[in-house]
Amino acid sequence: MVRIDWLYSRRLHLALVALCLGVWAGCAGNPGGNAAGPASAAQVENPKNIIILFADGVASTQWEYGRYSSMVLRQQGFVTTDIVFKQGTLGLASTYPHGAFVTDSAAAGSAMSTGVKVVNGSISMSPDGKRLTTAMEVAKATGKRIGLVTTATVYDATPAAFSVHAKARSESQNIVDEYLTLEPDVLLGGGAEYFLPASVKGGKRKDGKDVIAAFRAKGWQVARTPSELAAATAPRLLGLFSNDDLDFEIDRDASKEPTTADMATAALKALAQSNSKGFVLLVENENTDTAGHTNDAAALMRALWAFDDAVKVALDFQRSHPDTLILITGDHETGGFSPTYAAKDLSSFASSNRFTVGDEHIRMLGRITMSLNMVKETLGSKPSGAALDQLLSKHYPGFTLDTDLRELILKNGALERNATYVPQNTLARMVSRQAGFYWGTAGHTPEPVVIGALGPGAQLFSGYQDNTDFGRNLHRLILGR
């Protein structure tokens, strides 16, 4: 086990004692949770390894979209639904945070990591300001190896909430400093900017520290490109492949950024070394959430496929390590995603003027070659009509931009108060009108998330639970109780 300071060890020790003695009796300020979970201790087989595959912003409609679109366009199955959901245990979880109905990723991730509700924006800190014991801290204290993988910045809400603490999710530099103290064995994703001093190109740290160098000095192998990641052999690995978030799969430059599956493969390769007590690995695809915010059905589709490819990696590992539990879930739903039937135009409300999303509309999405975020970046803050037309003609073949939407885009207007990703949400409405993929919002919704579990301990995640139950059951399995 990696050495940690005495006070940190003492804090974890006390927290673990509390977990062992009382957490299953319930948590104060946490209404709606099942304190003991759906299975007794005698019924539960504890896994050695736990792989948590996390599709941010994804609920049941997105999962079915991933499955169906993969069948139509890739002519292949979708292992998330076809294997893990079908052959394993299936459950649902509510997502509300402390003091609100709709959650953000920080509060949702914190509840799923610690087993306690927190306020929106908080990273594993209780409403009264106390540091809550995270899943990765429990794993570390019990001698397990730990890993964090994401397509976002590594200090983004989900990986941070599963491992460290911050009063606000925006405290990027402090979160990176907490990683250096916690010392996760594997840390892969974007976000090099807060590992590097402001004096270095792309760096944003105000204290002059080079945290990449600090990790390297402690024995971590560092990868900055996909080829370096593939060649990595060390049991401890830091990989930073962008100054900020990694690109959508639809935009990704394969020479610069790895896939979610590439990072999952490298993480498992590293964690499987010196693995006598097992490991806990979080693999997050954040692009599914970002696509929901921008209402980008084409980018969402490919992000779901990229996530499913990472699930294949986890299943391959489980086949040779049957003492591994695979958990698949999201933290909340993003976008109010609603593929539907709709009027072709407003000239008539008769059924003859209606179309229903079909395979041909999914094929229309398959021909799109640029994310809506990249469209915004390419157009700039003052888009011209000519540039917009040229971009859509090249990357959105078969789509026509209606006059009302075109005017909104050129004057940087918003469709509605809950559609403030401009111009992405407006361009998404073009796709909605012609392909039937509508969205209710650019924000989060309270739709329950799906939990799929396959492997020892999976039965704990069955049925309708609260997201804090996920956290408490996760702690229970890590502790072997």
Protein backbone atom coordinates (compact mmCIF):
# COMPACT_ATOMS: atom_id res chain seq x y z
CA MET A 1 0.00 0.00 0.00
CA VAL A 2 1.27 3.46 -0.90
CA ARG A 3 2.38 5.47 2.20
CA ILE A 4 0.06 8.27 3.28
CA ASP A 5 0.52 10.74 6.12
CA TRP A 6 -0.52 9.78 9.66
CA LEU A 7 -3.45 12.19 9.91
CA TYR A 8 -4.83 11.03 6.57
CA SER A 9 -4.47 7.38 7.66
CA ARG A 10 -6.16 8.13 10.96
CA ARG A 11 -9.07 9.86 9.23
CA LEU A 12 -9.61 6.93 6.90
CA HIS A 13 -9.34 4.47 9.77
CA LEU A 14 -12.04 6.24 11.76
CA ALA A 15 -14.24 6.49 8.68
CA LEU A 16 -13.89 2.78 7.98
CA VAL A 17 -14.77 1.91 11.56
CA ALA A 18 -17.89 4.04 11.23
CA LEU A 19 -18.79 2.32 7.99
CA CYS A 20 -18.36 -1.15 9.47
CA LEU A 21 -20.38 -0.37 12.61
CA GLY A 22 -23.16 1.88 11.46
CA VAL A 23 -23.50 2.93 7.86
CA TRP A 24 -25.90 0.15 6.99
CA ALA A 25 -28.30 1.51 9.61
CA GLY A 26 -28.76 4.60 7.45
CA CYS A 27 -27.21 8.01 6.94
CA ALA A 28 -28.50 11.17 8.55
CA GLY A 29 -30.06 13.60 6.12
CA ASN A 30 -30.43 10.88 3.50
CA PRO A 31 -34.14 10.11 3.02
CA GLY A 32 -35.18 7.44 0.59
CA GLY A 33 -32.16 5.12 0.83
CA ASN A 34 -32.26 1.40 1.54
CA ALA A 35 -29.89 1.24 4.48
CA ALA A 36 -28.99 -2.42 4.15
CA GLY A 37 -29.40 -2.94 0.44
CA PRO A 38 -31.51 -5.72 -1.10
CA ALA A 39 -29.38 -8.65 0.02
CA SER A 40 -28.05 -9.79 3.36
CA ALA A 41 -24.33 -10.23 4.01
CA ALA A 42 -24.70 -14.01 3.91
CA GLN A 43 -26.01 -13.82 0.35
CA VAL A 44 -23.29 -11.60 -1.09
CA GLU A 45 -20.08 -12.85 -2.66
CA ASN A 46 -17.48 -10.10 -2.50
CA PRO A 47 -15.48 -9.28 -5.64
CA LYS A 48 -11.74 -8.85 -5.67
CA ASN A 49 -11.86 -6.27 -8.45
CA ILE A 50 -14.56 -3.71 -9.27
CA ILE A 51 -14.82 -1.93 -12.62
CA ILE A 52 -17.30 0.95 -12.66
CA LEU A 53 -18.16 2.00 -16.21
CA PHE A 54 -19.84 5.38 -16.06
CA ALA A 55 -21.69 7.03 -18.96
CA ASP A 56 -22.32 10.53 -17.70
CA GLY A 57 -25.75 11.93 -18.52
CA VAL A 58 -27.12 8.59 -19.74
CA ALA A 59 -30.42 6.96 -18.79
CA SER A 60 -32.64 4.34 -20.39
CA THR A 61 -33.51 6.17 -23.63
CA GLN A 62 -29.83 6.77 -24.42
CA TRP A 63 -28.97 3.12 -23.78
CA GLU A 64 -31.66 1.97 -26.20
CA TYR A 65 -30.47 4.54 -28.74
CA GLY A 66 -26.93 3.16 -28.48
CA ARG A 67 -28.18 -0.39 -28.96
CA TYR A 68 -30.50 0.30 -31.87
CA SER A 69 -28.17 2.64 -33.75
CA SER A 70 -25.31 0.15 -33.39
CA MET A 71 -27.51 -2.54 -34.93
CA VAL A 72 -28.51 -0.29 -37.84
CA LEU A 73 -25.21 1.43 -38.65
CA ARG A 74 -22.51 -0.92 -37.33
CA GLN A 75 -24.39 -4.18 -37.88
CA GLN A 76 -23.24 -5.34 -34.47
CA GLY A 77 -24.61 -5.80 -31.00
CA PHE A 78 -24.30 -3.49 -28.02
CA VAL A 79 -22.76 -5.41 -25.15
CA THR A 80 -23.95 -2.98 -22.47
CA THR A 81 -27.56 -3.96 -23.07
CA ASP A 82 -27.09 -7.36 -24.74
CA ILE A 83 -24.76 -8.84 -22.11
CA VAL A 84 -24.51 -6.78 -18.91
CA PHE A 85 -28.14 -5.64 -18.69
CA LYS A 86 -29.58 -8.87 -20.09
CA GLN A 87 -27.42 -11.44 -18.28
CA GLY A 88 -26.64 -9.51 -15.11
CA THR A 89 -28.64 -7.70 -12.46
CA LEU A 90 -30.64 -4.64 -13.46
CA GLY A 91 -31.74 -1.76 -11.25
CA LEU A 92 -32.76 1.89 -11.26
CA ALA A 93 -31.57 4.73 -9.05
CA SER A 94 -33.05 8.10 -8.20
CA THR A 95 -30.66 11.02 -8.61
CA TYR A 96 -31.84 14.02 -6.57
CA PRO A 97 -29.22 15.86 -4.48
CA HIS A 98 -29.49 17.44 -1.03
CA GLY A 99 -32.04 20.26 -1.13
CA ALA A 100 -33.08 20.04 -4.79
CA PHE A 101 -34.91 17.84 -7.31
CA VAL A 102 -32.46 18.07 -10.22
CA THR A 103 -28.82 17.17 -9.64
CA ASP A 104 -25.50 18.17 -11.14
CA SER A 105 -22.68 15.70 -11.75
CA ALA A 106 -20.77 16.72 -8.63
CA ALA A 107 -23.64 15.96 -6.25
CA ALA A 108 -24.67 12.80 -8.10
CA GLY A 109 -21.14 11.43 -8.26
CA SER A 110 -20.58 12.27 -4.60
CA ALA A 111 -23.72 10.37 -3.53
CA MET A 112 -22.67 7.35 -5.60
CA SER A 113 -19.16 7.52 -4.15
CA THR A 114 -19.85 8.25 -0.48
CA GLY A 115 -23.40 7.06 0.13
CA VAL A 116 -24.48 10.49 1.38
CA LYS A 117 -26.44 13.29 -0.31
CA VAL A 118 -24.54 16.56 -0.92
CA VAL A 119 -25.52 19.91 -2.39
CA ASN A 120 -25.08 20.64 -6.09
CA GLY A 121 -21.55 21.69 -6.95
CA SER A 122 -19.93 20.00 -3.96
CA ILE A 123 -17.29 17.27 -4.30
CA SER A 124 -17.80 14.64 -1.57
CA MET A 125 -18.36 17.24 1.14
CA SER A 126 -21.40 17.01 3.42
CA PRO A 127 -23.88 19.89 3.57
CA ASP A 128 -22.27 20.95 6.87
CA GLY A 129 -18.80 21.00 5.34
CA LYS A 130 -17.36 17.64 6.44
CA ARG A 131 -15.17 15.49 4.21
CA LEU A 132 -17.05 12.31 3.36
CA THR A 133 -15.16 9.07 2.80
CA THR A 134 -15.03 8.35 -0.94
CA ALA A 135 -15.10 4.98 -2.63
CA MET A 136 -11.48 5.31 -3.72
CA GLU A 137 -10.37 6.29 -0.21
CA VAL A 138 -12.04 3.16 1.16
CA ALA A 139 -10.34 1.06 -1.52
CA LYS A 140 -6.96 2.65 -0.81
CA ALA A 141 -7.31 2.09 2.93
CA THR A 142 -8.08 -1.60 2.43
CA GLY A 143 -5.01 -2.12 0.27
CA LYS A 144 -6.70 -2.17 -3.11
CA ARG A 145 -5.21 -0.38 -6.10
CA ILE A 146 -7.27 2.43 -7.60
CA GLY A 147 -7.70 3.98 -11.04
CA LEU A 148 -9.59 6.89 -12.59
CA VAL A 149 -10.22 7.19 -16.33
CA THR A 150 -12.31 9.84 -18.09
CA THR A 151 -12.78 11.59 -21.42
CA ALA A 152 -13.19 14.83 -19.46
CA THR A 153 -10.50 16.60 -17.47
CA VAL A 154 -9.32 14.24 -14.74
CA TYR A 155 -10.34 16.83 -12.13
CA ASP A 156 -13.90 17.00 -13.48
CA ALA A 157 -16.86 16.28 -11.22
CA THR A 158 -17.20 12.51 -11.54
CA PRO A 159 -13.59 11.30 -11.09
CA ALA A 160 -13.08 13.92 -8.38
CA ALA A 161 -16.24 12.93 -6.48
CA PHE A 162 -15.26 9.26 -6.51
CA SER A 163 -11.88 9.99 -4.97
CA VAL A 164 -11.17 13.36 -3.33
CA HIS A 165 -12.89 16.44 -1.87
CA ALA A 166 -13.62 20.08 -2.70
CA LYS A 167 -16.16 22.60 -1.54
CA ALA A 168 -16.79 23.48 -5.18
CA ARG A 169 -16.23 21.45 -8.35
CA SER A 170 -14.52 24.49 -9.90
CA GLU A 171 -11.51 24.15 -7.57
CA SER A 172 -9.49 22.44 -10.30
CA GLN A 173 -6.00 23.18 -8.96
CA ASN A 174 -6.92 22.02 -5.45
CA ILE A 175 -8.42 18.80 -6.82
CA VAL A 176 -5.19 18.07 -8.70
CA ASP A 177 -3.27 18.67 -5.46
CA GLU A 178 -5.54 16.19 -3.69
CA TYR A 179 -4.74 13.62 -6.38
CA LEU A 180 -1.05 14.06 -5.68
CA THR A 181 -1.76 13.28 -2.01
CA LEU A 182 -4.13 10.38 -2.69
CA GLU A 183 -1.83 8.90 -5.35
CA PRO A 184 -4.24 6.95 -7.57
CA ASP A 185 -2.32 4.19 -9.30
CA VAL A 186 -3.85 5.13 -12.65
CA LEU A 187 -5.08 8.58 -13.71
CA LEU A 188 -6.01 9.01 -17.40
CA GLY A 189 -7.88 11.69 -19.32
CA GLY A 190 -7.62 15.37 -20.17
CA GLY A 191 -6.76 18.41 -18.12
CA ALA A 192 -3.01 18.92 -18.36
CA GLU A 193 -3.57 22.65 -17.87
CA TYR A 194 -3.90 22.37 -14.08
CA PHE A 195 -0.92 20.05 -13.81
CA LEU A 196 1.36 22.64 -15.41
CA PRO A 197 2.44 26.11 -14.25
CA ALA A 198 1.14 29.20 -16.05
CA SER A 199 4.71 29.87 -17.23
CA VAL A 200 4.42 26.82 -19.52
CA LYS A 201 2.33 26.92 -22.72
CA GLY A 202 -1.14 25.70 -21.89
CA GLY A 203 -0.53 25.70 -18.13
CA LYS A 204 -2.87 27.42 -15.66
CA ARG A 205 -1.38 26.71 -12.22
CA LYS A 206 -0.76 29.88 -10.25
CA ASP A 207 1.73 28.35 -7.77
CA GLY A 208 4.45 27.52 -10.30
CA LYS A 209 4.30 23.76 -9.63
CA ASP A 210 4.73 21.10 -12.30
CA VAL A 211 2.52 18.29 -10.98
CA ILE A 212 3.30 16.04 -13.94
CA ALA A 213 6.94 16.16 -12.87
CA ALA A 214 5.88 15.53 -9.28
CA PHE A 215 4.02 12.35 -10.28
CA ARG A 216 6.97 11.23 -12.38
CA ALA A 217 9.31 11.78 -9.43
CA LYS A 218 7.10 9.55 -7.29
CA GLY A 219 7.43 6.72 -9.80
CA TRP A 220 4.51 7.21 -12.18
CA GLN A 221 5.05 6.54 -15.86
CA VAL A 222 3.67 9.46 -17.88
CA ALA A 223 1.90 9.18 -21.25
CA ARG A 224 0.91 12.19 -23.35
CA THR A 225 -0.02 10.48 -26.63
CA PRO A 226 -1.93 7.33 -27.65
CA SER A 227 1.31 5.63 -28.72
CA GLU A 228 2.91 6.34 -25.34
CA LEU A 229 -0.20 4.99 -23.63
CA ALA A 230 -0.13 1.77 -25.65
CA ALA A 231 3.56 1.29 -24.86
CA ALA A 232 3.22 1.90 -21.13
CA THR A 233 4.35 -0.98 -18.91
CA ALA A 234 4.52 0.47 -15.40
CA PRO A 235 2.05 -0.41 -12.62
CA ARG A 236 1.45 3.30 -11.98
CA LEU A 237 0.39 5.48 -14.87
CA LEU A 238 -0.50 9.13 -15.43
CA GLY A 239 -1.90 9.95 -18.88
CA LEU A 240 -2.94 13.45 -19.94
CA PHE A 241 -3.89 13.75 -23.60
CA SER A 242 -5.29 17.27 -23.83
CA ASN A 243 -5.04 20.53 -21.96
CA ASP A 244 -8.80 20.33 -21.37
CA ASP A 245 -11.51 17.78 -22.23
CA LEU A 246 -10.85 15.09 -24.82
CA ASP A 247 -12.68 15.55 -28.11
CA PHE A 248 -15.89 13.85 -29.13
CA GLU A 249 -15.34 10.57 -30.91
CA ILE A 250 -16.83 12.11 -34.05
CA ASP A 251 -14.03 14.76 -34.01
CA ARG A 252 -11.17 12.81 -32.42
CA ASP A 253 -7.68 12.86 -33.95
CA ALA A 254 -6.46 9.30 -33.35
CA SER A 255 -2.82 10.41 -33.38
CA LYS A 256 -3.41 12.77 -30.44
CA GLU A 257 -6.11 11.28 -28.26
CA PRO A 258 -6.92 7.67 -27.27
CA THR A 259 -10.39 6.12 -27.20
CA THR A 260 -12.22 5.25 -24.01
CA ALA A 261 -11.43 1.59 -24.77
CA ASP A 262 -7.72 2.40 -25.23
CA MET A 263 -7.61 4.04 -21.80
CA ALA A 264 -9.56 1.21 -20.18
CA THR A 265 -7.14 -1.32 -21.67
CA ALA A 266 -4.10 0.57 -20.38
CA ALA A 267 -5.66 1.05 -16.96
CA LEU A 268 -6.42 -2.64 -16.54
CA LYS A 269 -2.94 -3.56 -17.73
CA ALA A 270 -1.41 -1.34 -15.06
CA LEU A 271 -3.79 -2.24 -12.22
CA ALA A 272 -3.50 -5.98 -12.82
CA GLN A 273 0.15 -5.76 -11.77
CA SER A 274 0.95 -6.21 -8.04
CA ASN A 275 -2.70 -6.96 -7.55
CA SER A 276 -2.90 -9.26 -4.53
CA LYS A 277 -5.80 -7.37 -2.93
CA GLY A 278 -7.54 -6.30 -6.11
CA PHE A 279 -8.48 -2.89 -7.47
CA VAL A 280 -11.32 -0.45 -8.03
CA LEU A 281 -11.38 1.27 -11.44
CA LEU A 282 -13.70 4.04 -12.61
CA VAL A 283 -13.98 4.49 -16.39
CA GLU A 284 -16.10 7.47 -17.41
CA ASN A 285 -17.22 8.70 -20.80
CA GLU A 286 -18.13 12.33 -20.20
CA ASN A 287 -18.84 13.03 -23.86
CA THR A 288 -22.27 11.42 -23.53
CA ASP A 289 -23.19 14.19 -21.08
CA THR A 290 -21.68 16.98 -23.16
CA ALA A 291 -23.59 15.74 -26.21
CA GLY A 292 -26.77 15.86 -24.15
CA HIS A 293 -26.12 19.46 -23.13
CA THR A 294 -25.61 20.51 -26.74
CA ASN A 295 -28.48 18.25 -27.95
CA ASP A 296 -26.07 16.58 -30.37
CA ALA A 297 -27.66 13.27 -31.41
CA ALA A 298 -24.87 12.32 -33.84
CA ALA A 299 -22.07 12.93 -31.31
CA LEU A 300 -24.07 11.12 -28.61
CA MET A 301 -24.47 8.07 -30.83
CA ARG A 302 -20.73 7.71 -31.40
CA ALA A 303 -19.93 8.43 -27.75
CA LEU A 304 -22.26 5.60 -26.73
CA TRP A 305 -20.49 3.28 -29.15
CA ALA A 306 -17.12 4.34 -27.76
CA PHE A 307 -18.38 3.62 -24.26
CA ASP A 308 -19.66 0.20 -25.33
CA ASP A 309 -16.24 -0.61 -26.79
CA ALA A 310 -14.79 0.04 -23.32
CA VAL A 311 -17.39 -2.29 -21.82
CA LYS A 312 -16.07 -5.00 -24.18
CA VAL A 313 -12.61 -4.46 -22.69
CA ALA A 314 -14.01 -4.88 -19.18
CA LEU A 315 -15.89 -8.04 -20.16
CA ASP A 316 -12.75 -9.51 -21.71
CA PHE A 317 -10.91 -8.86 -18.44
CA GLN A 318 -13.71 -10.40 -16.41
CA ARG A 319 -13.61 -13.60 -18.46
CA SER A 320 -10.07 -14.28 -17.25
CA HIS A 321 -10.71 -12.76 -13.81
CA PRO A 322 -14.16 -14.02 -12.74
CA ASP A 323 -13.69 -12.44 -9.29
CA THR A 324 -14.37 -9.07 -10.98
CA LEU A 325 -17.63 -7.13 -10.64
CA ILE A 326 -18.66 -4.91 -13.56
CA LEU A 327 -21.00 -2.00 -12.81
CA ILE A 328 -22.50 0.11 -15.59
CA THR A 329 -24.45 3.26 -14.82
CA GLY A 330 -24.80 7.00 -15.28
CA ASP A 331 -25.22 9.78 -12.74
CA HIS A 332 -28.27 11.54 -14.22
CA GLU A 333 -30.00 12.06 -17.54
CA THR A 334 -28.99 15.01 -19.72
CA GLY A 335 -31.10 16.71 -22.36
CA GLY A 336 -34.51 15.08 -21.99
CA PHE A 337 -33.63 12.97 -25.04
CA SER A 338 -36.80 12.15 -27.03
CA PRO A 339 -36.62 10.40 -30.41
CA THR A 340 -40.25 10.55 -31.49
CA TYR A 341 -42.79 11.10 -34.23
CA ALA A 342 -43.46 14.66 -35.32
CA ALA A 343 -45.07 16.80 -38.01
CA LYS A 344 -43.00 17.26 -41.15
CA ASP A 345 -43.96 20.94 -41.05
CA LEU A 346 -46.75 23.09 -39.60
CA SER A 347 -48.92 23.19 -42.73
CA SER A 348 -51.14 20.41 -41.40
CA PHE A 349 -51.60 18.40 -38.20
CA ALA A 350 -53.00 15.39 -40.03
CA SER A 351 -51.32 12.04 -39.60
CA SER A 352 -50.40 12.12 -43.29
CA ASN A 353 -48.03 15.00 -42.49
CA ARG A 354 -46.26 13.09 -39.75
CA PHE A 355 -43.11 10.98 -39.72
CA THR A 356 -41.70 8.60 -37.14
CA VAL A 357 -38.01 8.11 -36.46
CA GLY A 358 -36.85 5.17 -38.53
CA ASP A 359 -33.68 3.55 -39.80
CA GLU A 360 -33.35 6.12 -42.58
CA HIS A 361 -33.20 8.92 -40.00
CA ILE A 362 -30.51 7.12 -38.05
CA ARG A 363 -28.60 6.79 -41.32
CA MET A 364 -28.93 10.56 -41.73
CA LEU A 365 -27.17 10.96 -38.39
CA GLY A 366 -24.54 8.47 -39.49
CA ARG A 367 -23.57 10.79 -42.35
CA ILE A 368 -22.84 13.72 -40.00
CA THR A 369 -19.08 14.21 -39.62
CA MET A 370 -18.69 17.04 -37.12
CA SER A 371 -19.98 17.67 -33.60
CA LEU A 372 -22.06 20.73 -32.86
CA ASN A 373 -19.34 21.92 -30.48
CA MET A 374 -16.83 21.77 -33.31
CA VAL A 375 -19.24 23.66 -35.55
CA LYS A 376 -19.36 26.45 -32.98
CA GLU A 377 -15.57 26.47 -32.62
CA THR A 378 -15.10 26.57 -36.39
CA LEU A 379 -17.64 29.34 -36.98
CA GLY A 380 -16.34 31.57 -34.19
CA SER A 381 -18.27 34.14 -32.18
CA LYS A 382 -19.57 36.07 -35.21
CA PRO A 383 -20.59 33.47 -37.80
CA SER A 384 -21.25 34.54 -41.36
CA GLY A 385 -24.06 33.08 -43.40
CA ALA A 386 -21.66 31.85 -46.10
CA ALA A 387 -19.43 30.05 -43.58
CA LEU A 388 -22.44 28.46 -41.91
CA ASP A 389 -23.86 27.21 -45.22
CA GLN A 390 -20.52 25.78 -46.31
CA LEU A 391 -19.97 23.99 -43.01
CA LEU A 392 -23.43 22.43 -42.96
CA SER A 393 -23.19 21.38 -46.61
CA LYS A 394 -19.93 19.56 -45.93
CA HIS A 395 -20.60 18.00 -42.53
CA TYR A 396 -24.43 17.73 -42.36
CA PRO A 397 -25.37 16.34 -45.79
CA GLY A 398 -29.10 16.05 -46.37
CA PHE A 399 -30.07 18.65 -43.78
CA THR A 400 -31.55 22.05 -44.56
CA LEU A 401 -31.46 24.94 -42.10
CA ASP A 402 -34.86 26.63 -41.76
CA THR A 403 -34.98 30.42 -41.98
CA ASP A 404 -36.01 30.98 -38.35
CA LEU A 405 -33.12 28.86 -37.07
CA ARG A 406 -30.66 30.51 -39.43
CA GLU A 407 -31.61 33.95 -38.16
CA LEU A 408 -31.20 32.88 -34.54
CA ILE A 409 -27.74 31.48 -35.23
CA LEU A 410 -26.51 34.57 -37.06
CA LYS A 411 -27.60 36.86 -34.23
CA ASN A 412 -26.45 34.45 -31.46
CA GLY A 413 -29.99 34.06 -30.14
CA ALA A 414 -31.34 31.23 -28.00
CA LEU A 415 -34.37 29.06 -28.74
CA GLU A 416 -35.60 29.09 -25.15
CA ARG A 417 -34.46 29.75 -21.59
CA ASN A 418 -33.36 26.14 -21.15
CA ALA A 419 -31.53 26.03 -24.52
CA THR A 420 -28.57 28.29 -23.87
CA TYR A 421 -25.81 26.39 -25.67
CA VAL A 422 -25.65 28.76 -28.63
CA PRO A 423 -25.64 27.94 -31.50
CA GLN A 424 -25.51 24.19 -30.75
CA ASN A 425 -29.06 23.83 -29.42
CA THR A 426 -30.39 25.79 -32.40
CA LEU A 427 -28.55 23.61 -34.92
CA ALA A 428 -29.78 20.57 -33.02
CA ARG A 429 -33.35 21.71 -33.70
CA MET A 430 -32.54 21.46 -37.42
CA VAL A 431 -31.68 17.80 -36.83
CA SER A 432 -34.82 17.34 -34.73
CA ARG A 433 -37.15 18.73 -37.38
CA GLN A 434 -35.76 16.55 -40.14
CA ALA A 435 -34.75 13.37 -38.31
CA GLY A 436 -37.08 13.30 -35.29
CA PHE A 437 -34.46 13.40 -32.52
CA TYR A 438 -35.93 16.01 -30.17
CA TRP A 439 -34.67 17.23 -26.80
CA GLY A 440 -36.51 18.71 -23.83
CA THR A 441 -33.68 20.80 -22.43
CA ALA A 442 -29.98 21.60 -22.54
CA GLY A 443 -29.70 20.70 -18.86
CA HIS A 444 -30.16 17.71 -16.59
CA THR A 445 -33.43 15.95 -15.76
CA PRO A 446 -34.49 13.84 -12.74
CA GLU A 447 -35.04 10.67 -14.78
CA PRO A 448 -33.77 7.65 -12.79
CA VAL A 449 -30.57 6.08 -14.09
CA VAL A 450 -30.07 2.43 -14.97
CA ILE A 451 -27.61 0.28 -13.03
CA GLY A 452 -26.36 -2.91 -14.65
CA ALA A 453 -24.21 -5.28 -12.59
CA LEU A 454 -22.46 -8.48 -13.64
CA GLY A 455 -20.23 -10.53 -11.36
CA PRO A 456 -19.87 -11.23 -7.64
CA GLY A 457 -21.99 -8.88 -5.54
CA ALA A 458 -24.21 -7.86 -8.46
CA GLN A 459 -27.44 -8.64 -6.59
CA LEU A 460 -26.94 -5.65 -4.31
CA PHE A 461 -27.85 -3.34 -7.19
CA SER A 462 -31.22 -4.88 -8.05
CA GLY A 463 -34.48 -2.96 -7.95
CA TYR A 464 -35.37 0.67 -7.44
CA GLN A 465 -32.89 2.37 -5.12
CA ASP A 466 -31.46 5.77 -4.35
CA ASN A 467 -28.08 6.83 -5.68
CA THR A 468 -26.78 6.79 -2.10
CA ASP A 469 -27.55 3.05 -2.00
CA PHE A 470 -25.11 2.63 -4.87
CA GLY A 471 -22.42 4.31 -2.78
CA ARG A 472 -23.12 2.34 0.38
CA ASN A 473 -23.27 -0.95 -1.48
CA LEU A 474 -20.03 -0.08 -3.23
CA HIS A 475 -18.34 0.57 0.14
CA ARG A 476 -19.79 -2.68 1.48
CA LEU A 477 -18.27 -4.69 -1.34
CA ILE A 478 -14.89 -2.98 -1.11
CA LEU A 479 -14.79 -3.65 2.63
CA GLY A 480 -15.88 -7.27 2.13
CA ARG A 481 -18.76 -6.96 4.58
